[in-house]
PDB file of all heavy atoms in Angstrom:
ATOM      1  N   THR A   1       0.832  -1.202   0.000  1.00  0.00           N
ATOM      2  CA  THR A   1       0.000   0.000   0.000  1.00  0.00           C
ATOM      3  C   THR A   1       0.865   1.251   0.000  1.00  0.00           C
ATOM      4  O   THR A   1       0.578   2.220  -0.716  1.00  0.00           O
ATOM      5  CB  THR A   1      -0.933  -0.004   1.227  1.00  0.00           C
ATOM      6  OG1 THR A   1      -1.715  -1.200   1.201  1.00  0.00           O
ATOM      7  CG2 THR A   1      -1.867   1.192   1.225  1.00  0.00           C
ATOM      8  N   GLN A   2       1.940   1.235   0.780  1.00  0.00           N
ATOM      9  CA  GLN A   2       2.849   2.380   0.791  1.00  0.00           C
ATOM     10  C   GLN A   2       3.479   2.566  -0.579  1.00  0.00           C
ATOM     11  O   GLN A   2       3.625   3.687  -1.060  1.00  0.00           O
ATOM     12  CB  GLN A   2       3.943   2.186   1.841  1.00  0.00           C
ATOM     13  CG  GLN A   2       3.441   2.279   3.261  1.00  0.00           C
ATOM     14  CD  GLN A   2       4.510   1.885   4.272  1.00  0.00           C
ATOM     15  OE1 GLN A   2       5.602   1.486   3.901  1.00  0.00           O
ATOM     16  NE2 GLN A   2       4.186   1.994   5.541  1.00  0.00           N
ATOM     17  N   GLY A   3       3.855   1.477  -1.227  1.00  0.00           N
ATOM     18  CA  GLY A   3       4.442   1.565  -2.559  1.00  0.00           C
ATOM     19  C   GLY A   3       3.466   2.145  -3.566  1.00  0.00           C
ATOM     20  O   GLY A   3       3.848   2.929  -4.444  1.00  0.00           O
ATOM     21  N   VAL A   4       2.199   1.785  -3.441  1.00  0.00           N
ATOM     22  CA  VAL A   4       1.185   2.324  -4.345  1.00  0.00           C
ATOM     23  C   VAL A   4       1.045   3.824  -4.135  1.00  0.00           C
ATOM     24  O   VAL A   4       0.960   4.601  -5.092  1.00  0.00           O
ATOM     25  CB  VAL A   4      -0.167   1.600  -4.136  1.00  0.00           C
ATOM     26  CG1 VAL A   4      -1.297   2.332  -4.835  1.00  0.00           C
ATOM     27  CG2 VAL A   4      -0.087   0.176  -4.632  1.00  0.00           C
ATOM     28  N   ASP A   5       1.044   4.260  -2.867  1.00  0.00           N
ATOM     29  CA  ASP A   5       0.943   5.684  -2.581  1.00  0.00           C
ATOM     30  C   ASP A   5       2.126   6.450  -3.167  1.00  0.00           C
ATOM     31  O   ASP A   5       1.960   7.535  -3.739  1.00  0.00           O
ATOM     32  CB  ASP A   5       0.853   5.927  -1.073  1.00  0.00           C
ATOM     33  CG  ASP A   5      -0.455   5.415  -0.480  1.00  0.00           C
ATOM     34  OD1 ASP A   5      -1.426   5.245  -1.254  1.00  0.00           O
ATOM     35  OD2 ASP A   5      -0.503   5.179   0.745  1.00  0.00           O
ATOM     36  N   GLU A   6       3.331   5.898  -3.034  1.00  0.00           N
ATOM     37  CA  GLU A   6       4.506   6.547  -3.604  1.00  0.00           C
ATOM     38  C   GLU A   6       4.412   6.597  -5.122  1.00  0.00           C
ATOM     39  O   GLU A   6       4.763   7.608  -5.737  1.00  0.00           O
ATOM     40  CB  GLU A   6       5.768   5.809  -3.176  1.00  0.00           C
ATOM     41  CG  GLU A   6       6.094   5.945  -1.706  1.00  0.00           C
ATOM     42  CD  GLU A   6       7.247   5.053  -1.274  1.00  0.00           C
ATOM     43  OE1 GLU A   6       7.853   4.404  -2.151  1.00  0.00           O
ATOM     44  OE2 GLU A   6       7.531   5.018  -0.066  1.00  0.00           O
ATOM     45  N   SER A   7       3.944   5.520  -5.740  1.00  0.00           N
ATOM     46  CA  SER A   7       3.795   5.497  -7.191  1.00  0.00           C
ATOM     47  C   SER A   7       2.771   6.523  -7.651  1.00  0.00           C
ATOM     48  O   SER A   7       2.959   7.195  -8.668  1.00  0.00           O
ATOM     49  CB  SER A   7       3.378   4.105  -7.676  1.00  0.00           C
ATOM     50  OG  SER A   7       4.386   3.174  -7.383  1.00  0.00           O
ATOM     51  N   LYS A   8       1.679   6.655  -6.906  1.00  0.00           N
ATOM     52  CA  LYS A   8       0.669   7.655  -7.262  1.00  0.00           C
ATOM     53  C   LYS A   8       1.244   9.061  -7.171  1.00  0.00           C
ATOM     54  O   LYS A   8       0.974   9.907  -8.021  1.00  0.00           O
ATOM     55  CB  LYS A   8      -0.557   7.530  -6.349  1.00  0.00           C
ATOM     56  CG  LYS A   8      -1.442   6.354  -6.651  1.00  0.00           C
ATOM     57  CD  LYS A   8      -2.639   6.306  -5.715  1.00  0.00           C
ATOM     58  CE  LYS A   8      -3.503   5.105  -5.987  1.00  0.00           C
ATOM     59  NZ  LYS A   8      -4.630   5.009  -5.039  1.00  0.00           N
ATOM     60  N   GLY A   9       2.053   9.313  -6.133  1.00  0.00           N
ATOM     61  CA  GLY A   9       2.681  10.624  -5.990  1.00  0.00           C
ATOM     62  C   GLY A   9       3.627  10.905  -7.142  1.00  0.00           C
ATOM     63  O   GLY A   9       3.625  12.015  -7.704  1.00  0.00           O
ATOM     64  N   PHE A  10       4.430   9.920  -7.519  1.00  0.00           N
ATOM     65  CA  PHE A  10       5.346  10.090  -8.647  1.00  0.00           C
ATOM     66  C   PHE A  10       4.564  10.331  -9.927  1.00  0.00           C
ATOM     67  O   PHE A  10       4.910  11.201 -10.730  1.00  0.00           O
ATOM     68  CB  PHE A  10       6.249   8.862  -8.793  1.00  0.00           C
ATOM     69  CG  PHE A  10       7.138   8.919  -9.995  1.00  0.00           C
ATOM     70  CD1 PHE A  10       8.262   9.733  -9.999  1.00  0.00           C
ATOM     71  CD2 PHE A  10       6.839   8.183 -11.129  1.00  0.00           C
ATOM     72  CE1 PHE A  10       9.085   9.801 -11.115  1.00  0.00           C
ATOM     73  CE2 PHE A  10       7.651   8.246 -12.242  1.00  0.00           C
ATOM     74  CZ  PHE A  10       8.776   9.055 -12.233  1.00  0.00           C
ATOM     75  N   PHE A  11       3.502   9.568 -10.124  1.00  0.00           N
ATOM     76  CA  PHE A  11       2.689   9.730 -11.334  1.00  0.00           C
ATOM     77  C   PHE A  11       2.075  11.129 -11.380  1.00  0.00           C
ATOM     78  O   PHE A  11       2.026  11.753 -12.442  1.00  0.00           O
ATOM     79  CB  PHE A  11       1.596   8.663 -11.381  1.00  0.00           C
ATOM     80  CG  PHE A  11       0.658   8.823 -12.534  1.00  0.00           C
ATOM     81  CD1 PHE A  11       1.076   8.529 -13.828  1.00  0.00           C
ATOM     82  CD2 PHE A  11      -0.632   9.291 -12.345  1.00  0.00           C
ATOM     83  CE1 PHE A  11       0.216   8.687 -14.897  1.00  0.00           C
ATOM     84  CE2 PHE A  11      -1.488   9.456 -13.419  1.00  0.00           C
ATOM     85  CZ  PHE A  11      -1.071   9.148 -14.696  1.00  0.00           C
ATOM     86  N   GLY A  12       1.615  11.623 -10.230  1.00  0.00           N
ATOM     87  CA  GLY A  12       1.042  12.974 -10.190  1.00  0.00           C
ATOM     88  C   GLY A  12       2.065  14.028 -10.567  1.00  0.00           C
ATOM     89  O   GLY A  12       1.785  14.930 -11.370  1.00  0.00           O
ATOM     90  N   ASP A  13       3.265  13.917  -9.991  1.00  0.00           N
ATOM     91  CA  ASP A  13       4.325  14.882 -10.321  1.00  0.00           C
ATOM     92  C   ASP A  13       4.726  14.779 -11.793  1.00  0.00           C
ATOM     93  O   ASP A  13       4.950  15.790 -12.460  1.00  0.00           O
ATOM     94  CB  ASP A  13       5.552  14.647  -9.435  1.00  0.00           C
ATOM     95  CG  ASP A  13       5.276  14.951  -7.971  1.00  0.00           C
ATOM     96  OD1 ASP A  13       4.290  15.658  -7.688  1.00  0.00           O
ATOM     97  OD2 ASP A  13       6.052  14.469  -7.116  1.00  0.00           O
ATOM     98  N   PHE A  14       4.812  13.563 -12.283  1.00  0.00           N
ATOM     99  CA  PHE A  14       5.205  13.362 -13.681  1.00  0.00           C
ATOM    100  C   PHE A  14       4.149  13.936 -14.628  1.00  0.00           C
ATOM    101  O   PHE A  14       4.482  14.574 -15.632  1.00  0.00           O
ATOM    102  CB  PHE A  14       5.409  11.873 -13.928  1.00  0.00           C
ATOM    103  CG  PHE A  14       6.014  11.550 -15.260  1.00  0.00           C
ATOM    104  CD1 PHE A  14       7.356  11.812 -15.491  1.00  0.00           C
ATOM    105  CD2 PHE A  14       5.268  10.991 -16.274  1.00  0.00           C
ATOM    106  CE1 PHE A  14       7.938  11.528 -16.710  1.00  0.00           C
ATOM    107  CE2 PHE A  14       5.844  10.693 -17.489  1.00  0.00           C
ATOM    108  CZ  PHE A  14       7.177  10.963 -17.710  1.00  0.00           C
ATOM    109  N   SER A  15       2.874  13.729 -14.297  1.00  0.00           N
ATOM    110  CA  SER A  15       1.816  14.251 -15.163  1.00  0.00           C
ATOM    111  C   SER A  15       1.800  15.781 -15.150  1.00  0.00           C
ATOM    112  O   SER A  15       1.518  16.414 -16.167  1.00  0.00           O
ATOM    113  CB  SER A  15       0.454  13.697 -14.758  1.00  0.00           C
ATOM    114  OG  SER A  15       0.113  14.137 -13.460  1.00  0.00           O
ATOM    115  N   LYS A  16       2.137  16.404 -13.990  1.00  0.00           N
ATOM    116  CA  LYS A  16       2.224  17.862 -13.948  1.00  0.00           C
ATOM    117  C   LYS A  16       3.364  18.362 -14.824  1.00  0.00           C
ATOM    118  O   LYS A  16       3.233  19.374 -15.521  1.00  0.00           O
ATOM    119  CB  LYS A  16       2.427  18.345 -12.514  1.00  0.00           C
ATOM    120  CG  LYS A  16       1.210  18.187 -11.636  1.00  0.00           C
ATOM    121  CD  LYS A  16       1.520  18.592 -10.209  1.00  0.00           C
ATOM    122  CE  LYS A  16       0.360  18.279  -9.287  1.00  0.00           C
ATOM    123  NZ  LYS A  16       0.690  18.541  -7.881  1.00  0.00           N
ATOM    124  N   THR A  17       4.489  17.637 -14.788  1.00  0.00           N
ATOM    125  CA  THR A  17       5.626  18.029 -15.627  1.00  0.00           C
ATOM    126  C   THR A  17       5.256  17.922 -17.100  1.00  0.00           C
ATOM    127  O   THR A  17       5.556  18.813 -17.895  1.00  0.00           O
ATOM    128  CB  THR A  17       6.844  17.141 -15.331  1.00  0.00           C
ATOM    129  OG1 THR A  17       7.160  17.234 -13.951  1.00  0.00           O
ATOM    130  CG2 THR A  17       8.048  17.550 -16.150  1.00  0.00           C
ATOM    131  N   LEU A  18       4.581  16.856 -17.467  1.00  0.00           N
ATOM    132  CA  LEU A  18       4.169  16.715 -18.864  1.00  0.00           C
ATOM    133  C   LEU A  18       3.121  17.754 -19.236  1.00  0.00           C
ATOM    134  O   LEU A  18       3.081  18.223 -20.375  1.00  0.00           O
ATOM    135  CB  LEU A  18       3.635  15.306 -19.126  1.00  0.00           C
ATOM    136  CG  LEU A  18       4.689  14.213 -19.216  1.00  0.00           C
ATOM    137  CD1 LEU A  18       4.029  12.867 -19.490  1.00  0.00           C
ATOM    138  CD2 LEU A  18       5.716  14.513 -20.286  1.00  0.00           C
ATOM    139  N   ALA A  19       2.279  18.126 -18.277  1.00  0.00           N
ATOM    140  CA  ALA A  19       1.281  19.164 -18.558  1.00  0.00           C
ATOM    141  C   ALA A  19       1.964  20.487 -18.883  1.00  0.00           C
ATOM    142  O   ALA A  19       1.456  21.273 -19.685  1.00  0.00           O
ATOM    143  CB  ALA A  19       0.342  19.315 -17.373  1.00  0.00           C
ATOM    144  N   ASN A  20       3.118  20.738 -18.274  1.00  0.00           N
ATOM    145  CA  ASN A  20       3.851  21.966 -18.564  1.00  0.00           C
ATOM    146  C   ASN A  20       4.339  22.011 -20.004  1.00  0.00           C
ATOM    147  O   ASN A  20       4.578  23.086 -20.552  1.00  0.00           O
ATOM    148  CB  ASN A  20       5.044  22.124 -17.619  1.00  0.00           C
ATOM    149  CG  ASN A  20       4.610  22.446 -16.213  1.00  0.00           C
ATOM    150  OD1 ASN A  20       3.527  22.963 -15.992  1.00  0.00           O
ATOM    151  ND2 ASN A  20       5.462  22.128 -15.261  1.00  0.00           N
ATOM    152  N   THR A  21       4.511  20.868 -20.627  1.00  0.00           N
ATOM    153  CA  THR A  21       4.964  20.867 -22.021  1.00  0.00           C
ATOM    154  C   THR A  21       3.866  21.331 -22.963  1.00  0.00           C
ATOM    155  O   THR A  21       4.154  21.714 -24.096  1.00  0.00           O
ATOM    156  CB  THR A  21       5.434  19.461 -22.445  1.00  0.00           C
ATOM    157  OG1 THR A  21       4.339  18.543 -22.381  1.00  0.00           O
ATOM    158  CG2 THR A  21       6.581  18.987 -21.584  1.00  0.00           C
ATOM    159  N   ARG A  22       2.630  21.310 -22.528  1.00  0.00           N
ATOM    160  CA  ARG A  22       1.517  21.737 -23.380  1.00  0.00           C
ATOM    161  C   ARG A  22       1.161  23.212 -23.182  1.00  0.00           C
ATOM    162  O   ARG A  22       0.280  23.727 -23.840  1.00  0.00           O
ATOM    163  CB  ARG A  22       0.296  20.855 -23.105  1.00  0.00           C
ATOM    164  CG  ARG A  22       0.505  19.409 -23.530  1.00  0.00           C
ATOM    165  CD  ARG A  22      -0.769  18.608 -23.412  1.00  0.00           C
ATOM    166  NE  ARG A  22      -1.211  18.457 -22.041  1.00  0.00           N
ATOM    167  CZ  ARG A  22      -0.927  17.439 -21.244  1.00  0.00           C
ATOM    168  NH1 ARG A  22      -0.174  16.464 -21.695  1.00  0.00           N
ATOM    169  NH2 ARG A  22      -1.395  17.376 -20.023  1.00  0.00           N
ATOM    170  N   THR A  23       1.840  23.871 -22.242  1.00  0.00           N
ATOM    171  CA  THR A  23       1.561  25.276 -21.982  1.00  0.00           C
ATOM    172  C   THR A  23       2.111  26.113 -23.137  1.00  0.00           C
ATOM    173  O   THR A  23       3.247  25.911 -23.571  1.00  0.00           O
ATOM    174  CB  THR A  23       2.214  25.727 -20.658  1.00  0.00           C
ATOM    175  OG1 THR A  23       1.746  24.877 -19.617  1.00  0.00           O
ATOM    176  CG2 THR A  23       1.885  27.168 -20.341  1.00  0.00           C
ATOM    177  N   LYS A  24       1.315  27.065 -23.591  1.00  0.00           N
ATOM    178  CA  LYS A  24       1.746  27.910 -24.704  1.00  0.00           C
ATOM    179  C   LYS A  24       2.893  28.804 -24.246  1.00  0.00           C
ATOM    180  O   LYS A  24       2.870  29.357 -23.163  1.00  0.00           O
ATOM    181  CB  LYS A  24       0.595  28.773 -25.209  1.00  0.00           C
ATOM    182  CG  LYS A  24      -0.440  27.994 -25.960  1.00  0.00           C
ATOM    183  CD  LYS A  24      -1.480  28.920 -26.542  1.00  0.00           C
ATOM    184  CE  LYS A  24      -2.513  28.111 -27.294  1.00  0.00           C
ATOM    185  NZ  LYS A  24      -3.523  28.957 -27.920  1.00  0.00           N
ATOM    186  N   GLY A  25       3.903  28.912 -25.073  1.00  0.00           N
ATOM    187  CA  GLY A  25       5.035  29.776 -24.795  1.00  0.00           C
ATOM    188  C   GLY A  25       6.095  29.154 -23.910  1.00  0.00           C
ATOM    189  O   GLY A  25       7.106  29.782 -23.621  1.00  0.00           O
ATOM    190  N   ALA A  26       5.901  27.908 -23.426  1.00  0.00           N
ATOM    191  CA  ALA A  26       6.892  27.249 -22.569  1.00  0.00           C
ATOM    192  C   ALA A  26       8.007  26.670 -23.430  1.00  0.00           C
ATOM    193  O   ALA A  26       7.770  26.202 -24.540  1.00  0.00           O
ATOM    194  CB  ALA A  26       6.244  26.145 -21.760  1.00  0.00           C
ATOM    195  N   ASN A  27       9.230  26.743 -22.919  1.00  0.00           N
ATOM    196  CA  ASN A  27      10.365  26.159 -23.613  1.00  0.00           C
ATOM    197  C   ASN A  27      10.413  24.679 -23.264  1.00  0.00           C
ATOM    198  O   ASN A  27      10.872  24.281 -22.196  1.00  0.00           O
ATOM    199  CB  ASN A  27      11.664  26.862 -23.212  1.00  0.00           C
ATOM    200  CG  ASN A  27      12.859  26.327 -23.988  1.00  0.00           C
ATOM    201  OD1 ASN A  27      12.732  25.471 -24.854  1.00  0.00           O
ATOM    202  ND2 ASN A  27      14.025  26.854 -23.666  1.00  0.00           N
ATOM    203  N   THR A  28       9.928  23.850 -24.138  1.00  0.00           N
ATOM    204  CA  THR A  28       9.823  22.412 -23.864  1.00  0.00           C
ATOM    205  C   THR A  28      11.120  21.671 -24.132  1.00  0.00           C
ATOM    206  O   THR A  28      11.257  20.520 -23.715  1.00  0.00           O
ATOM    207  CB  THR A  28       8.705  21.786 -24.711  1.00  0.00           C
ATOM    208  OG1 THR A  28       8.991  22.037 -26.099  1.00  0.00           O
ATOM    209  CG2 THR A  28       7.364  22.379 -24.349  1.00  0.00           C
ATOM    210  N   GLN A  29      12.052  22.292 -24.783  1.00  0.00           N
ATOM    211  CA  GLN A  29      13.286  21.587 -25.143  1.00  0.00           C
ATOM    212  C   GLN A  29      14.053  21.125 -23.905  1.00  0.00           C
ATOM    213  O   GLN A  29      14.584  20.017 -23.873  1.00  0.00           O
ATOM    214  CB  GLN A  29      14.177  22.482 -26.008  1.00  0.00           C
ATOM    215  CG  GLN A  29      15.345  21.735 -26.627  1.00  0.00           C
ATOM    216  CD  GLN A  29      14.893  20.562 -27.500  1.00  0.00           C
ATOM    217  OE1 GLN A  29      13.942  20.679 -28.278  1.00  0.00           O
ATOM    218  NE2 GLN A  29      15.549  19.427 -27.357  1.00  0.00           N
ATOM    219  N   ASN A  30      14.102  21.957 -22.849  1.00  0.00           N
ATOM    220  CA  ASN A  30      14.805  21.562 -21.614  1.00  0.00           C
ATOM    221  C   ASN A  30      14.142  20.352 -20.957  1.00  0.00           C
ATOM    222  O   ASN A  30      14.815  19.477 -20.424  1.00  0.00           O
ATOM    223  CB  ASN A  30      14.854  22.728 -20.637  1.00  0.00           C
ATOM    224  CG  ASN A  30      15.771  23.834 -21.115  1.00  0.00           C
ATOM    225  OD1 ASN A  30      16.667  23.578 -21.901  1.00  0.00           O
ATOM    226  ND2 ASN A  30      15.537  25.042 -20.651  1.00  0.00           N
ATOM    227  N   ILE A  31      12.817  20.312 -20.975  1.00  0.00           N
ATOM    228  CA  ILE A  31      12.110  19.160 -20.384  1.00  0.00           C
ATOM    229  C   ILE A  31      12.416  17.901 -21.184  1.00  0.00           C
ATOM    230  O   ILE A  31      12.712  16.844 -20.626  1.00  0.00           O
ATOM    231  CB  ILE A  31      10.596  19.437 -20.323  1.00  0.00           C
ATOM    232  CG1 ILE A  31      10.321  20.596 -19.369  1.00  0.00           C
ATOM    233  CG2 ILE A  31       9.832  18.197 -19.885  1.00  0.00           C
ATOM    234  CD1 ILE A  31       8.891  21.073 -19.374  1.00  0.00           C
ATOM    235  N   TYR A  32      12.367  18.006 -22.529  1.00  0.00           N
ATOM    236  CA  TYR A  32      12.655  16.845 -23.359  1.00  0.00           C
ATOM    237  C   TYR A  32      14.105  16.403 -23.193  1.00  0.00           C
ATOM    238  O   TYR A  32      14.394  15.207 -23.174  1.00  0.00           O
ATOM    239  CB  TYR A  32      12.348  17.145 -24.824  1.00  0.00           C
ATOM    240  CG  TYR A  32      10.882  17.396 -25.092  1.00  0.00           C
ATOM    241  CD1 TYR A  32      10.476  18.379 -25.977  1.00  0.00           C
ATOM    242  CD2 TYR A  32       9.897  16.639 -24.462  1.00  0.00           C
ATOM    243  CE1 TYR A  32       9.129  18.612 -26.225  1.00  0.00           C
ATOM    244  CE2 TYR A  32       8.556  16.873 -24.699  1.00  0.00           C
ATOM    245  CZ  TYR A  32       8.176  17.861 -25.584  1.00  0.00           C
ATOM    246  OH  TYR A  32       6.860  18.079 -25.823  1.00  0.00           O
ATOM    247  N   ASN A  33      15.028  17.349 -23.057  1.00  0.00           N
ATOM    248  CA  ASN A  33      16.436  17.002 -22.842  1.00  0.00           C
ATOM    249  C   ASN A  33      16.612  16.264 -21.515  1.00  0.00           C
ATOM    250  O   ASN A  33      17.403  15.322 -21.405  1.00  0.00           O
ATOM    251  CB  ASN A  33      17.320  18.248 -22.858  1.00  0.00           C
ATOM    252  CG  ASN A  33      17.461  18.826 -24.248  1.00  0.00           C
ATOM    253  OD1 ASN A  33      17.213  18.139 -25.236  1.00  0.00           O
ATOM    254  ND2 ASN A  33      17.828  20.089 -24.324  1.00  0.00           N
ATOM    255  N   PHE A  34      15.877  16.705 -20.475  1.00  0.00           N
ATOM    256  CA  PHE A  34      15.974  16.038 -19.182  1.00  0.00           C
ATOM    257  C   PHE A  34      15.489  14.601 -19.280  1.00  0.00           C
ATOM    258  O   PHE A  34      16.103  13.685 -18.735  1.00  0.00           O
ATOM    259  CB  PHE A  34      15.159  16.791 -18.121  1.00  0.00           C
ATOM    260  CG  PHE A  34      15.098  16.073 -16.813  1.00  0.00           C
ATOM    261  CD1 PHE A  34      16.186  16.054 -15.958  1.00  0.00           C
ATOM    262  CD2 PHE A  34      13.959  15.376 -16.434  1.00  0.00           C
ATOM    263  CE1 PHE A  34      16.144  15.376 -14.761  1.00  0.00           C
ATOM    264  CE2 PHE A  34      13.906  14.688 -15.235  1.00  0.00           C
ATOM    265  CZ  PHE A  34      15.008  14.700 -14.393  1.00  0.00           C
ATOM    266  N   PHE A  35      14.374  14.390 -19.997  1.00  0.00           N
ATOM    267  CA  PHE A  35      13.864  13.022 -20.135  1.00  0.00           C
ATOM    268  C   PHE A  35      14.799  12.170 -20.981  1.00  0.00           C
ATOM    269  O   PHE A  35      14.894  10.963 -20.790  1.00  0.00           O
ATOM    270  CB  PHE A  35      12.466  13.024 -20.740  1.00  0.00           C
ATOM    271  CG  PHE A  35      11.414  13.510 -19.789  1.00  0.00           C
ATOM    272  CD1 PHE A  35      10.399  14.338 -20.230  1.00  0.00           C
ATOM    273  CD2 PHE A  35      11.434  13.144 -18.464  1.00  0.00           C
ATOM    274  CE1 PHE A  35       9.436  14.784 -19.357  1.00  0.00           C
ATOM    275  CE2 PHE A  35      10.470  13.592 -17.582  1.00  0.00           C
ATOM    276  CZ  PHE A  35       9.464  14.420 -18.033  1.00  0.00           C
ATOM    277  N   ALA A  36      15.506  12.760 -21.905  1.00  0.00           N
ATOM    278  CA  ALA A  36      16.424  12.004 -22.756  1.00  0.00           C
ATOM    279  C   ALA A  36      17.672  11.581 -21.987  1.00  0.00           C
ATOM    280  O   ALA A  36      18.163  10.471 -22.167  1.00  0.00           O
ATOM    281  CB  ALA A  36      16.813  12.841 -23.967  1.00  0.00           C
ATOM    282  N   THR A  37      18.195  12.451 -21.101  1.00  0.00           N
ATOM    283  CA  THR A  37      19.374  12.129 -20.293  1.00  0.00           C
ATOM    284  C   THR A  37      19.130  12.625 -18.868  1.00  0.00           C
ATOM    285  O   THR A  37      19.649  13.670 -18.479  1.00  0.00           O
ATOM    286  CB  THR A  37      20.629  12.810 -20.850  1.00  0.00           C
ATOM    287  OG1 THR A  37      20.387  14.212 -20.914  1.00  0.00           O
ATOM    288  CG2 THR A  37      20.996  12.294 -22.208  1.00  0.00           C
ATOM    289  N   PRO A  38      18.329  11.916 -18.090  1.00  0.00           N
ATOM    290  CA  PRO A  38      17.974  12.412 -16.756  1.00  0.00           C
ATOM    291  C   PRO A  38      19.120  12.382 -15.750  1.00  0.00           C
ATOM    292  O   PRO A  38      19.146  13.163 -14.830  1.00  0.00           O
ATOM    293  CB  PRO A  38      16.849  11.485 -16.315  1.00  0.00           C
ATOM    294  CG  PRO A  38      17.080  10.229 -17.091  1.00  0.00           C
ATOM    295  CD  PRO A  38      17.678  10.658 -18.393  1.00  0.00           C
ATOM    296  N   ILE A  39      20.104  11.501 -15.939  1.00  0.00           N
ATOM    297  CA  ILE A  39      21.163  11.373 -14.947  1.00  0.00           C
ATOM    298  C   ILE A  39      22.500  11.451 -15.668  1.00  0.00           C
ATOM    299  O   ILE A  39      22.762  10.693 -16.606  1.00  0.00           O
ATOM    300  CB  ILE A  39      21.066  10.032 -14.191  1.00  0.00           C
ATOM    301  CG1 ILE A  39      19.748   9.947 -13.439  1.00  0.00           C
ATOM    302  CG2 ILE A  39      22.243   9.866 -13.255  1.00  0.00           C
ATOM    303  CD1 ILE A  39      19.503   8.614 -12.803  1.00  0.00           C
ATOM    304  N   ALA A  40      23.340  12.369 -15.235  1.00  0.00           N
ATOM    305  CA  ALA A  40      24.691  12.461 -15.771  1.00  0.00           C
ATOM    306  C   ALA A  40      25.626  11.840 -14.751  1.00  0.00           C
ATOM    307  O   ALA A  40      25.660  12.249 -13.594  1.00  0.00           O
ATOM    308  CB  ALA A  40      25.067  13.920 -16.025  1.00  0.00           C
TER     309      ALA A  40
END
């Protein structure tokens, strides 16, 4: 149950981040670059 709650929280944060890519005038390239190479 705790794992499900954590997964739901991650999914909520992830969906908010993706929602930002649909905002008009937002620079989406940085978000896409982060998803392409999230960890250096």
